[in-house]
Amino acid sequence: MPDTRAIVGLTRGRAWIAVLGILLIGIVGLNVATLGLTAAAGEIDEQIQTLEQENSILRTRLEQRLSSPRVQQAAAVMGLSRPAAEDIYDAEAGPEAVREAARRLAGASG
């Protein structure tokens, strides 16, 4: 292939400079895109670390509040036990859950 008439003609003429320029621009463009993605990934990693730290702080606060003697005494009177912090989670609620809650509230008030 390197000895074909088209390749020899291309490499000896001015078109070769244009081809090399286009390839070089493509390589630089790929490098810029890669750097942009790397920077975005770094920012996302920082956000993840921040959220994990905040989550840890909130779990600690929750654990402290649940360990309050007043809360424990009130729970014991009601026959409740204290859950571990990792056992507490936020429930997902969709439109059906909202309708059900509204129906229950309407029934309780009337």
Protein backbone atom coordinates (compact mmCIF):
# COMPACT_ATOMS: atom_id res chain seq x y z
CA MET A 1 0.00 0.00 0.00
CA PRO A 2 2.78 2.55 0.72
CA ASP A 3 4.04 2.26 -2.85
CA THR A 4 0.71 2.92 -4.54
CA ARG A 5 0.49 5.88 -6.88
CA ALA A 6 -2.09 7.66 -4.70
CA ILE A 7 -0.03 7.40 -1.50
CA VAL A 8 3.20 8.44 -3.21
CA GLY A 9 1.44 11.37 -4.85
CA LEU A 10 -0.17 12.40 -1.59
CA THR A 11 3.05 12.29 0.43
CA ARG A 12 5.03 14.28 -2.14
CA GLY A 13 2.47 17.04 -2.56
CA ARG A 14 0.98 19.78 -0.43
CA ALA A 15 -2.09 17.68 0.36
CA TRP A 16 0.08 15.69 2.78
CA ILE A 17 0.45 18.77 4.99
CA ALA A 18 -3.34 19.20 5.04
CA VAL A 19 -3.88 15.53 5.93
CA LEU A 20 -1.33 15.73 8.73
CA GLY A 21 -2.91 18.97 9.97
CA ILE A 22 -6.39 17.42 10.04
CA LEU A 23 -5.06 14.37 11.90
CA LEU A 24 -3.22 16.57 14.37
CA ILE A 25 -6.35 18.67 14.99
CA GLY A 26 -8.29 15.44 15.56
CA ILE A 27 -5.74 14.20 18.10
CA VAL A 28 -5.75 17.52 19.95
CA GLY A 29 -9.56 17.51 19.96
CA LEU A 30 -9.63 14.01 21.44
CA ASN A 31 -7.15 15.04 24.13
CA VAL A 32 -9.23 18.11 25.04
CA ALA A 33 -12.39 15.99 25.23
CA THR A 34 -10.60 13.43 27.41
CA LEU A 35 -9.34 16.15 29.75
CA GLY A 36 -12.87 17.56 30.00
CA LEU A 37 -14.28 14.16 30.91
CA THR A 38 -11.51 13.62 33.45
CA ALA A 39 -12.24 16.98 35.07
CA ALA A 40 -15.96 16.19 35.20
CA ALA A 41 -15.21 12.81 36.78
CA GLY A 42 -13.02 14.54 39.38
CA GLU A 43 -15.83 16.94 40.28
CA ILE A 44 -18.27 14.06 40.59
CA ASP A 45 -15.84 12.20 42.86
CA GLU A 46 -15.58 15.30 45.07
CA GLN A 47 -19.38 15.55 45.25
CA ILE A 48 -19.61 11.87 46.17
CA GLN A 49 -17.08 12.31 48.97
CA THR A 50 -18.91 15.39 50.26
CA LEU A 51 -22.25 13.58 50.25
CA GLU A 52 -20.74 10.54 51.99
CA GLN A 53 -19.30 12.80 54.70
CA GLU A 54 -22.64 14.58 55.15
CA ASN A 55 -24.41 11.23 55.28
CA SER A 56 -22.01 10.03 57.98
CA ILE A 57 -22.58 13.19 60.00
CA LEU A 58 -26.35 12.85 59.69
CA ARG A 59 -26.25 9.18 60.74
CA THR A 60 -24.18 10.16 63.78
CA ARG A 61 -26.68 12.88 64.71
CA LEU A 62 -29.54 10.43 64.26
CA GLU A 63 -27.81 7.88 66.45
CA GLN A 64 -27.25 10.52 69.13
CA ARG A 65 -30.89 11.61 69.03
CA LEU A 66 -32.14 8.04 69.17
CA SER A 67 -29.92 7.33 72.15
CA SER A 68 -31.50 10.16 74.14
CA PRO A 69 -32.87 8.80 77.45
CA ARG A 70 -36.12 10.69 76.93
CA VAL A 71 -36.67 9.07 73.52
CA GLN A 72 -35.73 5.62 74.83
CA GLN A 73 -38.06 5.94 77.81
CA ALA A 74 -40.99 7.11 75.65
CA ALA A 75 -40.35 4.27 73.19
CA ALA A 76 -40.18 1.68 75.97
CA VAL A 77 -43.52 2.90 77.35
CA MET A 78 -45.04 2.42 73.89
CA GLY A 79 -43.44 -1.02 73.51
CA LEU A 80 -41.08 0.11 70.76
CA SER A 81 -37.45 -0.81 70.33
CA ARG A 82 -34.67 1.39 69.05
CA PRO A 83 -33.53 0.59 65.48
CA ALA A 84 -29.91 0.67 64.45
CA ALA A 85 -28.98 3.69 62.37
CA GLU A 86 -28.29 1.54 59.30
CA ASP A 87 -31.80 0.05 59.54
CA ILE A 88 -33.40 3.46 59.00
CA TYR A 89 -34.12 4.40 55.41
CA ASP A 90 -36.27 6.78 53.40
CA ALA A 91 -39.26 5.13 51.77
CA GLU A 92 -39.93 5.89 48.13
CA ALA A 93 -43.41 7.21 47.46
CA GLY A 94 -44.99 7.39 44.04
CA PRO A 95 -48.31 8.81 42.86
CA GLU A 96 -50.21 5.75 44.09
CA ALA A 97 -48.82 6.17 47.62
CA VAL A 98 -49.86 9.83 47.60
CA ARG A 99 -53.42 8.90 46.56
CA GLU A 100 -53.58 6.26 49.29
CA ALA A 101 -52.37 8.72 51.94
CA ALA A 102 -54.94 11.31 50.78
CA ARG A 103 -57.69 8.68 50.91
CA ARG A 104 -56.69 7.68 54.44
CA LEU A 105 -56.53 11.27 55.61
CA ALA A 106 -59.93 12.00 54.09
CA GLY A 107 -61.38 8.95 55.87
CA ALA A 108 -59.80 9.93 59.20
CA SER A 109 -61.21 13.46 59.15
CA GLY A 110 -64.76 12.54 58.17
